[in-house]
C-alpha cells in the first residue's frame, strides 16, 4: 500500500518534489512576484513556470491558492512588522529607536508594501492583514514616543509619523542621501519633547 501511495505521489507531484522545493521557496517566489507584478501574479501556474517546476509542486505544499495567499500575507506581516520591531529593540538604544526606524522605513524598497495595500482593496484577508500590521506599527511608534516622554500627544504623533511613511511608500520618491537625513531629523523631532516645547 505504501509503495503504491509513493508511486502515485511520484506521478502526481514528481520524484522528491517536497525535497526540491519547500513551502518557503514558494512563499519567497510569491513575495518576489508580488513586488514585481502585484497580487494578481500570485497564482500557481505562473509561479511554477518561474520556478521551473510543475504545478503539482505547489499543491504538494498548499491545499489551495487561499492557503498560499495566507502564507504570503503572513510572511509580509512577519517581515515588515514583527522582525523589524525585534531588530530595533535588539540593536537600537532607547533614544535611537525612532531615528533607526525612520532611516529603515525611508530607505526600504516599498514595492511589496504598495502591492499588499493594492491587494487589500479587493481582498478581505489582505485587508485584515494590513489592518493588523497598521495597528502593530502604530502601537510600536506610540511606545517609542511614550518612552521618550512625549505623553498624551504620543498617539497623534505616531499617526503623523506613520502617515508620512505611507505617503512616502506609496509615492516612492527618490531622495538624495542628504535630503533623506534632513527628512529623518525633521520627523525625529516629533519624538523629542524639548524641541517642540
C-alpha atoms as a PDB file:
ATOM      1  CA  UNK A   1       0.000   0.000   0.000  1.00  0.00           C
ATOM      2  CA  UNK A   2       2.786   2.453   0.930  1.00  0.00           C
ATOM      3  CA  UNK A   3       4.647   1.716  -2.312  1.00  0.00           C
ATOM      4  CA  UNK A   4       1.508   2.384  -4.301  1.00  0.00           C
ATOM      5  CA  UNK A   5       0.984   5.718  -2.497  1.00  0.00           C
ATOM      6  CA  UNK A   6       4.619   6.663  -3.119  1.00  0.00           C
ATOM      7  CA  UNK A   7       4.218   5.824  -6.821  1.00  0.00           C
ATOM      8  CA  UNK A   8       1.010   7.900  -7.020  1.00  0.00           C
ATOM      9  CA  UNK A   9       2.798  10.809  -5.336  1.00  0.00           C
ATOM     10  CA  UNK A  10       5.693  10.478  -7.782  1.00  0.00           C
ATOM     11  CA  UNK A  11       3.320  10.550 -10.749  1.00  0.00           C
ATOM     12  CA  UNK A  12       1.263  13.460  -9.402  1.00  0.00           C
ATOM     13  CA  UNK A  13       3.982  15.599  -7.859  1.00  0.00           C
ATOM     14  CA  UNK A  14       7.294  14.432  -9.253  1.00  0.00           C
ATOM     15  CA  UNK A  15      10.004  12.348  -7.635  1.00  0.00           C
ATOM     16  CA  UNK A  16      11.210  14.025  -4.440  1.00  0.00           C
ATOM     17  CA  UNK A  17       9.087  17.121  -5.080  1.00  0.00           C
ATOM     18  CA  UNK A  18       8.892  18.056  -1.425  1.00  0.00           C
ATOM     19  CA  UNK A  19      12.710  17.938  -1.204  1.00  0.00           C
ATOM     20  CA  UNK A  20      13.353  20.081  -4.269  1.00  0.00           C
ATOM     21  CA  UNK A  21      11.115  22.992  -3.316  1.00  0.00           C
ATOM     22  CA  UNK A  22       9.889  23.798   0.145  1.00  0.00           C
ATOM     23  CA  UNK A  23       6.793  25.779   1.071  1.00  0.00           C
ATOM     24  CA  UNK A  24       9.243  28.551   1.992  1.00  0.00           C
ATOM     25  CA  UNK A  25      10.632  28.541  -1.576  1.00  0.00           C
ATOM     26  CA  UNK A  26       7.111  29.066  -2.889  1.00  0.00           C
ATOM     27  CA  UNK A  27       6.435  31.883  -0.423  1.00  0.00           C
ATOM     28  CA  UNK A  28       9.722  33.576  -1.387  1.00  0.00           C
ATOM     29  CA  UNK A  29       8.741  33.299  -5.042  1.00  0.00           C
ATOM     30  CA  UNK A  30       5.340  34.725  -4.153  1.00  0.00           C
ATOM     31  CA  UNK A  31       6.933  37.700  -2.383  1.00  0.00           C
ATOM     32  CA  UNK A  32       9.126  38.359  -5.420  1.00  0.00           C
ATOM     33  CA  UNK A  33       6.148  38.106  -7.796  1.00  0.00           C
ATOM     34  CA  UNK A  34       4.140  40.383  -5.520  1.00  0.00           C
ATOM     35  CA  UNK A  35       6.895  43.011  -5.572  1.00  0.00           C
ATOM     36  CA  UNK A  36       7.422  42.809  -9.322  1.00  0.00           C
ATOM     37  CA  UNK A  37       3.934  42.170 -10.702  1.00  0.00           C
ATOM     38  CA  UNK A  38       1.392  42.748  -7.931  1.00  0.00           C
ATOM     39  CA  UNK A  39      -1.054  40.412  -6.235  1.00  0.00           C
ATOM     40  CA  UNK A  40      -2.564  39.134  -9.496  1.00  0.00           C
ATOM     41  CA  UNK A  41       0.708  37.259 -10.080  1.00  0.00           C
ATOM     42  CA  UNK A  42       0.116  35.058  -7.026  1.00  0.00           C
ATOM     43  CA  UNK A  43      -1.134  32.038  -8.984  1.00  0.00           C
ATOM     44  CA  UNK A  44       0.193  28.501  -9.135  1.00  0.00           C
ATOM     45  CA  UNK A  45       0.802  28.308 -12.905  1.00  0.00           C
ATOM     46  CA  UNK A  46       2.961  31.412 -13.436  1.00  0.00           C
ATOM     47  CA  UNK A  47       4.885  30.788 -10.227  1.00  0.00           C
ATOM     48  CA  UNK A  48       5.538  27.162 -11.219  1.00  0.00           C
ATOM     49  CA  UNK A  49       6.854  28.350 -14.594  1.00  0.00           C
ATOM     50  CA  UNK A  50       9.091  30.924 -12.914  1.00  0.00           C
ATOM     51  CA  UNK A  51      10.437  28.248 -10.572  1.00  0.00           C
ATOM     52  CA  UNK A  52      10.833  25.670 -13.348  1.00  0.00           C
ATOM     53  CA  UNK A  53       8.614  23.034 -11.733  1.00  0.00           C
ATOM     54  CA  UNK A  54       5.201  21.520 -12.289  1.00  0.00           C
ATOM     55  CA  UNK A  55       2.075  22.970 -10.744  1.00  0.00           C
ATOM     56  CA  UNK A  56       1.827  19.790  -8.706  1.00  0.00           C
ATOM     57  CA  UNK A  57       4.730  21.025  -6.593  1.00  0.00           C
ATOM     58  CA  UNK A  58       2.572  23.940  -5.474  1.00  0.00           C
ATOM     59  CA  UNK A  59      -0.223  21.621  -4.341  1.00  0.00           C
ATOM     60  CA  UNK A  60       2.267  19.396  -2.549  1.00  0.00           C
ATOM     61  CA  UNK A  61       2.772  22.273  -0.084  1.00  0.00           C
ATOM     62  CA  UNK A  62      -0.523  24.197  -0.184  1.00  0.00           C
ATOM     63  CA  UNK A  63      -4.088  22.888  -0.103  1.00  0.00           C
ATOM     64  CA  UNK A  64      -5.276  25.693  -2.343  1.00  0.00           C
ATOM     65  CA  UNK A  65      -4.458  29.212  -3.515  1.00  0.00           C
ATOM     66  CA  UNK A  66      -6.083  30.668  -0.382  1.00  0.00           C
ATOM     67  CA  UNK A  67      -3.626  28.795   1.847  1.00  0.00           C
ATOM     68  CA  UNK A  68      -0.761  30.122  -0.263  1.00  0.00           C
ATOM     69  CA  UNK A  69      -2.088  33.680  -0.082  1.00  0.00           C
ATOM     70  CA  UNK A  70      -2.353  33.322   3.703  1.00  0.00           C
ATOM     71  CA  UNK A  71       1.294  32.213   3.856  1.00  0.00           C
ATOM     72  CA  UNK A  72       2.426  35.156   1.699  1.00  0.00           C
ATOM     73  CA  UNK A  73       0.479  37.634   3.831  1.00  0.00           C
ATOM     74  CA  UNK A  74       1.902  36.045   6.979  1.00  0.00           C
ATOM     75  CA  UNK A  75       5.424  36.421   5.615  1.00  0.00           C
ATOM     76  CA  UNK A  76       4.818  40.092   4.796  1.00  0.00           C
ATOM     77  CA  UNK A  77       3.425  40.712   8.284  1.00  0.00           C
ATOM     78  CA  UNK A  78       6.370  38.985   9.940  1.00  0.00           C
ATOM     79  CA  UNK A  79       8.996  40.699   7.783  1.00  0.00           C
ATOM     80  CA  UNK A  80       7.597  44.220   7.870  1.00  0.00           C
ATOM     81  CA  UNK A  81       6.339  44.444  11.432  1.00  0.00           C
ATOM     82  CA  UNK A  82       7.490  41.773  13.875  1.00  0.00           C
ATOM     83  CA  UNK A  83      11.030  41.234  12.544  1.00  0.00           C
ATOM     84  CA  UNK A  84      11.639  44.982  12.263  1.00  0.00           C
ATOM     85  CA  UNK A  85      10.475  45.551  15.836  1.00  0.00           C
ATOM     86  CA  UNK A  86      12.621  42.714  17.199  1.00  0.00           C
ATOM     87  CA  UNK A  87      15.673  44.002  15.357  1.00  0.00           C
ATOM     88  CA  UNK A  88      15.186  47.585  16.542  1.00  0.00           C
ATOM     89  CA  UNK A  89      14.645  46.502  20.125  1.00  0.00           C
ATOM     90  CA  UNK A  90      17.879  44.480  19.961  1.00  0.00           C
ATOM     91  CA  UNK A  91      20.110  46.893  18.075  1.00  0.00           C
ATOM     92  CA  UNK A  92      18.971  50.462  18.710  1.00  0.00           C
ATOM     93  CA  UNK A  93      19.343  52.115  22.110  1.00  0.00           C
ATOM     94  CA  UNK A  94      16.096  53.543  23.513  1.00  0.00           C
ATOM     95  CA  UNK A  95      16.620  57.111  22.291  1.00  0.00           C
ATOM     96  CA  UNK A  96      17.820  55.986  18.866  1.00  0.00           C
ATOM     97  CA  UNK A  97      14.940  53.632  18.067  1.00  0.00           C
ATOM     98  CA  UNK A  98      12.920  56.332  16.319  1.00  0.00           C
ATOM     99  CA  UNK A  99      15.789  57.527  14.103  1.00  0.00           C
ATOM    100  CA  UNK A 100      16.739  53.941  13.285  1.00  0.00           C
ATOM    101  CA  UNK A 101      13.143  53.116  12.422  1.00  0.00           C
ATOM    102  CA  UNK A 102      12.769  56.227  10.263  1.00  0.00           C
ATOM    103  CA  UNK A 103      16.004  55.554   8.362  1.00  0.00           C
ATOM    104  CA  UNK A 104      14.921  51.994   7.755  1.00  0.00           C
ATOM    105  CA  UNK A 105      11.400  52.972   6.671  1.00  0.00           C
ATOM    106  CA  UNK A 106      12.533  55.691   4.288  1.00  0.00           C
ATOM    107  CA  UNK A 107      15.264  53.626   2.625  1.00  0.00           C
ATOM    108  CA  UNK A 108      13.430  50.298   2.266  1.00  0.00           C
ATOM    109  CA  UNK A 109      12.081  49.108  -1.063  1.00  0.00           C
ATOM    110  CA  UNK A 110       8.343  49.695  -0.728  1.00  0.00           C
ATOM    111  CA  UNK A 111       7.228  47.591  -3.708  1.00  0.00           C
ATOM    112  CA  UNK A 112       5.700  44.831  -1.578  1.00  0.00           C
ATOM    113  CA  UNK A 113       4.087  47.382   0.759  1.00  0.00           C
ATOM    114  CA  UNK A 114       2.411  49.040  -2.218  1.00  0.00           C
ATOM    115  CA  UNK A 115       1.349  45.692  -3.710  1.00  0.00           C
ATOM    116  CA  UNK A 116      -0.156  44.373  -0.468  1.00  0.00           C
ATOM    117  CA  UNK A 117      -2.097  47.601   0.069  1.00  0.00           C
ATOM    118  CA  UNK A 118      -3.434  47.403  -3.503  1.00  0.00           C
ATOM    119  CA  UNK A 119      -4.392  43.770  -2.837  1.00  0.00           C
ATOM    120  CA  UNK A 120      -6.218  44.817   0.342  1.00  0.00           C
ATOM    121  CA  UNK A 121      -8.618  46.972  -1.682  1.00  0.00           C
ATOM    122  CA  UNK A 122     -10.325  43.875  -3.087  1.00  0.00           C
ATOM    123  CA  UNK A 123      -9.422  41.035  -0.715  1.00  0.00           C
ATOM    124  CA  UNK A 124     -10.704  40.609   2.852  1.00  0.00           C
ATOM    125  CA  UNK A 125      -7.738  38.522   4.061  1.00  0.00           C
ATOM    126  CA  UNK A 126      -5.238  41.053   2.733  1.00  0.00           C
ATOM    127  CA  UNK A 127      -7.297  43.889   4.225  1.00  0.00           C
ATOM    128  CA  UNK A 128      -7.309  42.166   7.625  1.00  0.00           C
ATOM    129  CA  UNK A 129      -3.537  41.612   7.495  1.00  0.00           C
ATOM    130  CA  UNK A 130      -2.875  45.230   6.514  1.00  0.00           C
ATOM    131  CA  UNK A 131      -5.072  46.407   9.402  1.00  0.00           C
ATOM    132  CA  UNK A 132      -3.158  44.160  11.832  1.00  0.00           C
ATOM    133  CA  UNK A 133       0.193  45.454  10.561  1.00  0.00           C
ATOM    134  CA  UNK A 134      -1.000  49.049  10.792  1.00  0.00           C
ATOM    135  CA  UNK A 135      -2.149  48.526  14.395  1.00  0.00           C
ATOM    136  CA  UNK A 136       1.144  46.859  15.360  1.00  0.00           C
ATOM    137  CA  UNK A 137       3.309  49.528  13.750  1.00  0.00           C
ATOM    138  CA  UNK A 138       1.267  52.355  15.264  1.00  0.00           C
ATOM    139  CA  UNK A 139       1.411  50.781  18.719  1.00  0.00           C
ATOM    140  CA  UNK A 140       5.177  50.429  18.405  1.00  0.00           C
ATOM    141  CA  UNK A 141       5.582  54.047  17.286  1.00  0.00           C
ATOM    142  CA  UNK A 142       3.399  55.193  20.157  1.00  0.00           C
ATOM    143  CA  UNK A 143       5.527  53.138  22.568  1.00  0.00           C
ATOM    144  CA  UNK A 144       8.715  54.745  21.226  1.00  0.00           C
ATOM    145  CA  UNK A 145       7.231  58.212  21.652  1.00  0.00           C
ATOM    146  CA  UNK A 146       5.832  57.484  25.106  1.00  0.00           C
ATOM    147  CA  UNK A 147       9.247  56.121  26.160  1.00  0.00           C
ATOM    148  CA  UNK A 148      10.774  59.408  25.007  1.00  0.00           C
ATOM    149  CA  UNK A 149       8.468  61.297  27.365  1.00  0.00           C
ATOM    150  CA  UNK A 150       6.014  62.673  24.796  1.00  0.00           C
ATOM    151  CA  UNK A 151       2.979  61.934  26.970  1.00  0.00           C
ATOM    152  CA  UNK A 152      -0.581  62.425  25.744  1.00  0.00           C
ATOM    153  CA  UNK A 153       0.295  63.549  22.179  1.00  0.00           C
ATOM    154  CA  UNK A 154       2.158  60.256  21.541  1.00  0.00           C
ATOM    155  CA  UNK A 155      -0.789  58.636  19.717  1.00  0.00           C
ATOM    156  CA  UNK A 156      -1.357  61.641  17.441  1.00  0.00           C
ATOM    157  CA  UNK A 157       2.349  61.953  16.665  1.00  0.00           C
ATOM    158  CA  UNK A 158       2.570  58.214  15.965  1.00  0.00           C
ATOM    159  CA  UNK A 159      -0.179  58.636  13.362  1.00  0.00           C
ATOM    160  CA  UNK A 160       1.590  61.633  11.795  1.00  0.00           C
ATOM    161  CA  UNK A 161       4.857  59.669  11.512  1.00  0.00           C
ATOM    162  CA  UNK A 162       3.060  56.644  10.103  1.00  0.00           C
ATOM    163  CA  UNK A 163       1.145  58.702   7.554  1.00  0.00           C
ATOM    164  CA  UNK A 164       4.441  60.284   6.476  1.00  0.00           C
ATOM    165  CA  UNK A 165       5.847  56.804   5.897  1.00  0.00           C
ATOM    166  CA  UNK A 166       2.775  55.603   3.986  1.00  0.00           C
ATOM    167  CA  UNK A 167       2.775  58.721   1.804  1.00  0.00           C
ATOM    168  CA  UNK A 168       6.447  58.190   1.078  1.00  0.00           C
ATOM    169  CA  UNK A 169       5.979  54.468   0.360  1.00  0.00           C
ATOM    170  CA  UNK A 170       3.000  54.975  -1.925  1.00  0.00           C
ATOM    171  CA  UNK A 171       4.576  57.849  -3.883  1.00  0.00           C
ATOM    172  CA  UNK A 172       8.041  56.219  -3.964  1.00  0.00           C
ATOM    173  CA  UNK A 173      10.097  59.389  -4.436  1.00  0.00           C
ATOM    174  CA  UNK A 174      13.826  59.141  -4.975  1.00  0.00           C
ATOM    175  CA  UNK A 175      15.665  61.063  -2.288  1.00  0.00           C
ATOM    176  CA  UNK A 176      19.311  62.024  -2.188  1.00  0.00           C
ATOM    177  CA  UNK A 177      21.074  60.912   0.997  1.00  0.00           C
ATOM    178  CA  UNK A 178      21.378  64.457   2.335  1.00  0.00           C
ATOM    179  CA  UNK A 179      17.685  65.149   1.792  1.00  0.00           C
ATOM    180  CA  UNK A 180      16.800  61.834   3.404  1.00  0.00           C
ATOM    181  CA  UNK A 181      18.829  62.723   6.504  1.00  0.00           C
ATOM    182  CA  UNK A 182      17.048  66.089   6.709  1.00  0.00           C
ATOM    183  CA  UNK A 183      13.696  64.314   6.467  1.00  0.00           C
ATOM    184  CA  UNK A 184      14.660  61.831   9.192  1.00  0.00           C
ATOM    185  CA  UNK A 185      15.813  64.627  11.521  1.00  0.00           C
ATOM    186  CA  UNK A 186      12.654  66.678  10.976  1.00  0.00           C
ATOM    187  CA  UNK A 187      10.417  63.684  11.634  1.00  0.00           C
ATOM    188  CA  UNK A 188      12.532  62.582  14.605  1.00  0.00           C
ATOM    189  CA  UNK A 189      11.800  65.994  16.168  1.00  0.00           C
ATOM    190  CA  UNK A 190       8.289  64.682  16.794  1.00  0.00           C
ATOM    191  CA  UNK A 191       9.902  62.299  19.267  1.00  0.00           C
ATOM    192  CA  UNK A 192      11.764  64.972  21.179  1.00  0.00           C
ATOM    193  CA  UNK A 193       9.652  66.903  23.701  1.00  0.00           C
ATOM    194  CA  UNK A 194      12.285  69.626  24.217  1.00  0.00           C
ATOM    195  CA  UNK A 195      12.249  70.590  20.524  1.00  0.00           C
ATOM    196  CA  UNK A 196       8.500  71.018  20.496  1.00  0.00           C
ATOM    197  CA  UNK A 197       8.209  72.945  23.783  1.00  0.00           C
END
